């Protein structure tokens, strides 16, 4: 499937598995819906193949219909289960799975190492994984590197201003941080 996609499909397909369909996750879904046509012009397709809250999840290898996602999730019968999700991506040979954690749950952040090892990229605003002991932080990065996966994160402060990426960009450009206040 991945060879066929690489050779015959110019479109970049992202198969998203989103956990946390509350405020942040719900807004992300709405942004994906709103940006669908714009992304299509750039040959990018985001397929939300899974949507989960703490109780239930929806799965569809071709991407969920997001028009009524709240009602569909409310009416779902499949309990949220990471092992079922892993079986799903293996069964359907998902090429580019991205695990998006929009929760503030420590238990979900504990799944990142396993997700990276199983072939997921991990994207999250959840701060829990990055504020644990340094050994876990290093384990995350090592698993991402070893499995050629991305672990992407950002958070915000105050009025919703993104901090981490801006700080990383300054450091990458050679700036030196003398003091960080606030």
C-alpha atoms as a PDB file:
ATOM      1  CA  UNK A   1       0.000   0.000   0.000  1.00  0.00           C
ATOM      2  CA  UNK A   2       2.778   2.449   0.881  1.00  0.00           C
ATOM      3  CA  UNK A   3       4.728   1.606  -2.295  1.00  0.00           C
ATOM      4  CA  UNK A   4       1.632   2.157  -4.423  1.00  0.00           C
ATOM      5  CA  UNK A   5       0.948   5.455  -2.676  1.00  0.00           C
ATOM      6  CA  UNK A   6       4.546   6.614  -3.148  1.00  0.00           C
ATOM      7  CA  UNK A   7       4.678   5.696  -6.843  1.00  0.00           C
ATOM      8  CA  UNK A   8       1.218   6.557  -8.103  1.00  0.00           C
ATOM      9  CA  UNK A   9      -0.264   9.151  -5.790  1.00  0.00           C
ATOM     10  CA  UNK A  10       0.970  12.724  -5.589  1.00  0.00           C
ATOM     11  CA  UNK A  11      -1.410  13.437  -2.748  1.00  0.00           C
ATOM     12  CA  UNK A  12      -0.012  13.462   0.786  1.00  0.00           C
ATOM     13  CA  UNK A  13      -2.461  11.539   2.961  1.00  0.00           C
ATOM     14  CA  UNK A  14      -2.423  11.875   6.732  1.00  0.00           C
ATOM     15  CA  UNK A  15      -4.433   9.277   8.620  1.00  0.00           C
ATOM     16  CA  UNK A  16      -5.305  10.951  11.905  1.00  0.00           C
ATOM     17  CA  UNK A  17      -6.265   9.117  15.068  1.00  0.00           C
ATOM     18  CA  UNK A  18      -7.561  11.792  17.425  1.00  0.00           C
ATOM     19  CA  UNK A  19      -7.998  11.245  21.145  1.00  0.00           C
ATOM     20  CA  UNK A  20      -9.742  13.967  23.102  1.00  0.00           C
ATOM     21  CA  UNK A  21     -12.815  15.248  21.321  1.00  0.00           C
ATOM     22  CA  UNK A  22     -13.536  18.015  23.814  1.00  0.00           C
ATOM     23  CA  UNK A  23     -12.711  21.699  23.467  1.00  0.00           C
ATOM     24  CA  UNK A  24      -9.280  21.501  21.813  1.00  0.00           C
ATOM     25  CA  UNK A  25      -9.972  18.322  19.835  1.00  0.00           C
ATOM     26  CA  UNK A  26     -13.386  19.571  18.753  1.00  0.00           C
ATOM     27  CA  UNK A  27     -11.871  22.805  17.494  1.00  0.00           C
ATOM     28  CA  UNK A  28      -9.209  20.855  15.595  1.00  0.00           C
ATOM     29  CA  UNK A  29     -11.920  18.806  13.876  1.00  0.00           C
ATOM     30  CA  UNK A  30     -13.741  21.993  12.898  1.00  0.00           C
ATOM     31  CA  UNK A  31     -10.511  23.456  11.489  1.00  0.00           C
ATOM     32  CA  UNK A  32      -9.890  20.296   9.458  1.00  0.00           C
ATOM     33  CA  UNK A  33     -13.417  20.513   8.048  1.00  0.00           C
ATOM     34  CA  UNK A  34     -12.967  24.216   7.258  1.00  0.00           C
ATOM     35  CA  UNK A  35      -9.555  23.740   5.599  1.00  0.00           C
ATOM     36  CA  UNK A  36     -10.452  20.656   3.530  1.00  0.00           C
ATOM     37  CA  UNK A  37     -10.729  22.463   0.170  1.00  0.00           C
ATOM     38  CA  UNK A  38      -7.620  24.558   0.794  1.00  0.00           C
ATOM     39  CA  UNK A  39      -5.577  21.465   1.669  1.00  0.00           C
ATOM     40  CA  UNK A  40      -6.924  19.583  -1.363  1.00  0.00           C
ATOM     41  CA  UNK A  41      -5.514  22.316  -3.621  1.00  0.00           C
ATOM     42  CA  UNK A  42      -2.121  21.565  -2.078  1.00  0.00           C
ATOM     43  CA  UNK A  43      -2.585  17.798  -2.578  1.00  0.00           C
ATOM     44  CA  UNK A  44      -2.993  17.149   1.136  1.00  0.00           C
ATOM     45  CA  UNK A  45      -5.763  15.031   2.585  1.00  0.00           C
ATOM     46  CA  UNK A  46      -6.348  14.650   6.308  1.00  0.00           C
ATOM     47  CA  UNK A  47      -8.470  11.603   6.998  1.00  0.00           C
ATOM     48  CA  UNK A  48      -9.716  11.393  10.554  1.00  0.00           C
ATOM     49  CA  UNK A  49      -9.798   7.594  10.818  1.00  0.00           C
ATOM     50  CA  UNK A  50     -10.431   7.465  14.552  1.00  0.00           C
ATOM     51  CA  UNK A  51     -12.040   9.762  17.031  1.00  0.00           C
ATOM     52  CA  UNK A  52     -12.099   8.941  20.719  1.00  0.00           C
ATOM     53  CA  UNK A  53     -13.055  10.345  24.056  1.00  0.00           C
ATOM     54  CA  UNK A  54     -12.431   8.687  27.403  1.00  0.00           C
ATOM     55  CA  UNK A  55     -15.350   6.283  26.913  1.00  0.00           C
ATOM     56  CA  UNK A  56     -15.976   5.589  23.223  1.00  0.00           C
ATOM     57  CA  UNK A  57     -14.331   5.679  19.836  1.00  0.00           C
ATOM     58  CA  UNK A  58     -15.222   5.704  16.165  1.00  0.00           C
ATOM     59  CA  UNK A  59     -13.082   3.971  13.527  1.00  0.00           C
ATOM     60  CA  UNK A  60     -13.185   4.100   9.731  1.00  0.00           C
ATOM     61  CA  UNK A  61     -10.204   3.274   7.507  1.00  0.00           C
ATOM     62  CA  UNK A  62     -11.483   5.621   4.777  1.00  0.00           C
ATOM     63  CA  UNK A  63     -11.953   8.521   7.169  1.00  0.00           C
ATOM     64  CA  UNK A  64     -14.937   9.447   9.278  1.00  0.00           C
ATOM     65  CA  UNK A  65     -17.683  11.711   8.017  1.00  0.00           C
ATOM     66  CA  UNK A  66     -17.103  14.771  10.191  1.00  0.00           C
ATOM     67  CA  UNK A  67     -20.422  16.484   9.476  1.00  0.00           C
ATOM     68  CA  UNK A  68     -22.083  14.985  12.578  1.00  0.00           C
ATOM     69  CA  UNK A  69     -19.046  13.784  14.496  1.00  0.00           C
ATOM     70  CA  UNK A  70     -20.373  14.794  17.934  1.00  0.00           C
ATOM     71  CA  UNK A  71     -23.598  12.834  17.555  1.00  0.00           C
ATOM     72  CA  UNK A  72     -21.776   9.912  15.944  1.00  0.00           C
ATOM     73  CA  UNK A  73     -19.330   9.741  18.853  1.00  0.00           C
ATOM     74  CA  UNK A  74     -22.160  10.028  21.388  1.00  0.00           C
ATOM     75  CA  UNK A  75     -23.879   7.075  19.695  1.00  0.00           C
ATOM     76  CA  UNK A  76     -20.713   4.975  19.265  1.00  0.00           C
ATOM     77  CA  UNK A  77     -20.696   1.495  20.765  1.00  0.00           C
ATOM     78  CA  UNK A  78     -16.940   0.746  20.514  1.00  0.00           C
ATOM     79  CA  UNK A  79     -15.226   1.391  23.865  1.00  0.00           C
ATOM     80  CA  UNK A  80     -12.011   3.443  23.716  1.00  0.00           C
ATOM     81  CA  UNK A  81      -9.159   0.952  23.571  1.00  0.00           C
ATOM     82  CA  UNK A  82      -5.615   1.591  22.329  1.00  0.00           C
ATOM     83  CA  UNK A  83      -5.077  -2.109  21.524  1.00  0.00           C
ATOM     84  CA  UNK A  84      -8.124  -2.058  19.232  1.00  0.00           C
ATOM     85  CA  UNK A  85      -6.685   1.032  17.556  1.00  0.00           C
ATOM     86  CA  UNK A  86      -3.342  -0.729  16.974  1.00  0.00           C
ATOM     87  CA  UNK A  87      -5.091  -3.781  15.530  1.00  0.00           C
ATOM     88  CA  UNK A  88      -7.092  -1.473  13.279  1.00  0.00           C
ATOM     89  CA  UNK A  89      -4.024   0.197  11.731  1.00  0.00           C
ATOM     90  CA  UNK A  90      -2.344  -3.171  11.173  1.00  0.00           C
ATOM     91  CA  UNK A  91      -5.469  -4.732   9.656  1.00  0.00           C
ATOM     92  CA  UNK A  92      -5.955  -1.831   7.241  1.00  0.00           C
ATOM     93  CA  UNK A  93      -2.244  -1.272   6.495  1.00  0.00           C
ATOM     94  CA  UNK A  94      -2.419   2.402   7.385  1.00  0.00           C
ATOM     95  CA  UNK A  95       0.586   4.094   5.776  1.00  0.00           C
ATOM     96  CA  UNK A  96       0.957   7.399   7.599  1.00  0.00           C
ATOM     97  CA  UNK A  97      -0.785   7.170  10.992  1.00  0.00           C
ATOM     98  CA  UNK A  98      -0.700  10.223  13.237  1.00  0.00           C
ATOM     99  CA  UNK A  99      -1.781   9.890  16.868  1.00  0.00           C
ATOM    100  CA  UNK A 100      -3.145  13.266  17.974  1.00  0.00           C
ATOM    101  CA  UNK A 101      -3.679  13.639  21.708  1.00  0.00           C
ATOM    102  CA  UNK A 102      -5.872  16.618  22.569  1.00  0.00           C
ATOM    103  CA  UNK A 103      -6.343  15.579  26.180  1.00  0.00           C
ATOM    104  CA  UNK A 104      -4.584  16.665  29.327  1.00  0.00           C
ATOM    105  CA  UNK A 105      -4.493  13.043  30.444  1.00  0.00           C
ATOM    106  CA  UNK A 106      -1.354  11.498  31.865  1.00  0.00           C
ATOM    107  CA  UNK A 107      -2.611   8.010  31.007  1.00  0.00           C
ATOM    108  CA  UNK A 108      -2.924   8.963  27.324  1.00  0.00           C
ATOM    109  CA  UNK A 109       0.534  10.566  27.345  1.00  0.00           C
ATOM    110  CA  UNK A 110       1.868   7.272  28.727  1.00  0.00           C
ATOM    111  CA  UNK A 111       0.920   5.694  25.372  1.00  0.00           C
ATOM    112  CA  UNK A 112       3.297   7.860  23.308  1.00  0.00           C
ATOM    113  CA  UNK A 113       6.330   5.556  23.475  1.00  0.00           C
ATOM    114  CA  UNK A 114       4.216   2.609  22.394  1.00  0.00           C
ATOM    115  CA  UNK A 115       2.516   4.664  19.673  1.00  0.00           C
ATOM    116  CA  UNK A 116       5.898   5.717  18.262  1.00  0.00           C
ATOM    117  CA  UNK A 117       7.131   2.112  18.409  1.00  0.00           C
ATOM    118  CA  UNK A 118       4.014   0.943  16.556  1.00  0.00           C
ATOM    119  CA  UNK A 119       4.581   3.420  13.715  1.00  0.00           C
ATOM    120  CA  UNK A 120       2.519   6.444  14.713  1.00  0.00           C
ATOM    121  CA  UNK A 121       3.722  10.000  14.542  1.00  0.00           C
ATOM    122  CA  UNK A 122       2.595  11.730  17.755  1.00  0.00           C
ATOM    123  CA  UNK A 123       1.258  15.295  17.867  1.00  0.00           C
ATOM    124  CA  UNK A 124      -0.015  16.877  21.059  1.00  0.00           C
ATOM    125  CA  UNK A 125      -0.539  20.015  23.109  1.00  0.00           C
ATOM    126  CA  UNK A 126      -0.545  17.750  26.210  1.00  0.00           C
ATOM    127  CA  UNK A 127       2.283  18.809  28.542  1.00  0.00           C
ATOM    128  CA  UNK A 128       2.362  15.625  30.635  1.00  0.00           C
ATOM    129  CA  UNK A 129       4.953  13.667  28.631  1.00  0.00           C
ATOM    130  CA  UNK A 130       7.407  16.562  28.503  1.00  0.00           C
ATOM    131  CA  UNK A 131       7.205  17.285  32.218  1.00  0.00           C
ATOM    132  CA  UNK A 132       7.936  13.770  33.434  1.00  0.00           C
ATOM    133  CA  UNK A 133      11.356  12.495  34.445  1.00  0.00           C
ATOM    134  CA  UNK A 134      14.199  13.071  31.977  1.00  0.00           C
ATOM    135  CA  UNK A 135      14.513   9.328  31.295  1.00  0.00           C
ATOM    136  CA  UNK A 136      10.970   9.268  29.851  1.00  0.00           C
ATOM    137  CA  UNK A 137      11.667  12.415  27.841  1.00  0.00           C
ATOM    138  CA  UNK A 138      14.782  10.759  26.376  1.00  0.00           C
ATOM    139  CA  UNK A 139      12.903   7.500  25.741  1.00  0.00           C
ATOM    140  CA  UNK A 140      10.274   9.380  23.713  1.00  0.00           C
ATOM    141  CA  UNK A 141      12.872  11.039  21.528  1.00  0.00           C
ATOM    142  CA  UNK A 142      14.863   7.827  21.112  1.00  0.00           C
ATOM    143  CA  UNK A 143      11.750   5.911  20.000  1.00  0.00           C
ATOM    144  CA  UNK A 144      10.817   8.675  17.570  1.00  0.00           C
ATOM    145  CA  UNK A 145      14.323   8.650  16.073  1.00  0.00           C
ATOM    146  CA  UNK A 146      14.644   4.852  15.970  1.00  0.00           C
ATOM    147  CA  UNK A 147      11.249   4.415  14.288  1.00  0.00           C
ATOM    148  CA  UNK A 148      11.650   7.438  12.000  1.00  0.00           C
ATOM    149  CA  UNK A 149       8.560   9.031  13.491  1.00  0.00           C
ATOM    150  CA  UNK A 150       7.881  12.579  14.640  1.00  0.00           C
ATOM    151  CA  UNK A 151       6.998  13.620  18.168  1.00  0.00           C
ATOM    152  CA  UNK A 152       5.585  17.123  17.788  1.00  0.00           C
ATOM    153  CA  UNK A 153       4.237  19.219  20.608  1.00  0.00           C
ATOM    154  CA  UNK A 154       3.473  22.770  21.531  1.00  0.00           C
ATOM    155  CA  UNK A 155       1.615  24.457  24.280  1.00  0.00           C
ATOM    156  CA  UNK A 156       0.407  27.927  24.992  1.00  0.00           C
ATOM    157  CA  UNK A 157       0.282  30.347  27.856  1.00  0.00           C
ATOM    158  CA  UNK A 158      -1.676  33.406  28.849  1.00  0.00           C
ATOM    159  CA  UNK A 159      -3.885  34.469  25.978  1.00  0.00           C
ATOM    160  CA  UNK A 160      -3.145  31.354  23.940  1.00  0.00           C
ATOM    161  CA  UNK A 161       0.265  32.443  22.669  1.00  0.00           C
ATOM    162  CA  UNK A 162       2.383  29.536  21.367  1.00  0.00           C
ATOM    163  CA  UNK A 163       5.687  29.437  23.199  1.00  0.00           C
ATOM    164  CA  UNK A 164       7.730  26.313  22.537  1.00  0.00           C
ATOM    165  CA  UNK A 165       8.075  26.538  18.751  1.00  0.00           C
ATOM    166  CA  UNK A 166       8.950  30.237  18.886  1.00  0.00           C
ATOM    167  CA  UNK A 167      11.579  29.611  21.540  1.00  0.00           C
ATOM    168  CA  UNK A 168      13.031  26.696  19.542  1.00  0.00           C
ATOM    169  CA  UNK A 169      13.203  28.885  16.425  1.00  0.00           C
ATOM    170  CA  UNK A 170      15.114  31.563  18.326  1.00  0.00           C
ATOM    171  CA  UNK A 171      17.590  29.018  19.674  1.00  0.00           C
ATOM    172  CA  UNK A 172      18.009  27.386  16.253  1.00  0.00           C
ATOM    173  CA  UNK A 173      18.756  30.796  14.744  1.00  0.00           C
ATOM    174  CA  UNK A 174      21.621  31.180  17.214  1.00  0.00           C
ATOM    175  CA  UNK A 175      19.976  33.447  19.753  1.00  0.00           C
ATOM    176  CA  UNK A 176      20.874  32.902  23.377  1.00  0.00           C
ATOM    177  CA  UNK A 177      18.193  32.979  26.053  1.00  0.00           C
ATOM    178  CA  UNK A 178      19.440  34.895  29.051  1.00  0.00           C
ATOM    179  CA  UNK A 179      16.237  34.954  31.034  1.00  0.00           C
ATOM    180  CA  UNK A 180      12.692  33.708  30.669  1.00  0.00           C
ATOM    181  CA  UNK A 181      10.045  35.532  32.668  1.00  0.00           C
ATOM    182  CA  UNK A 182       6.317  35.315  33.092  1.00  0.00           C
END
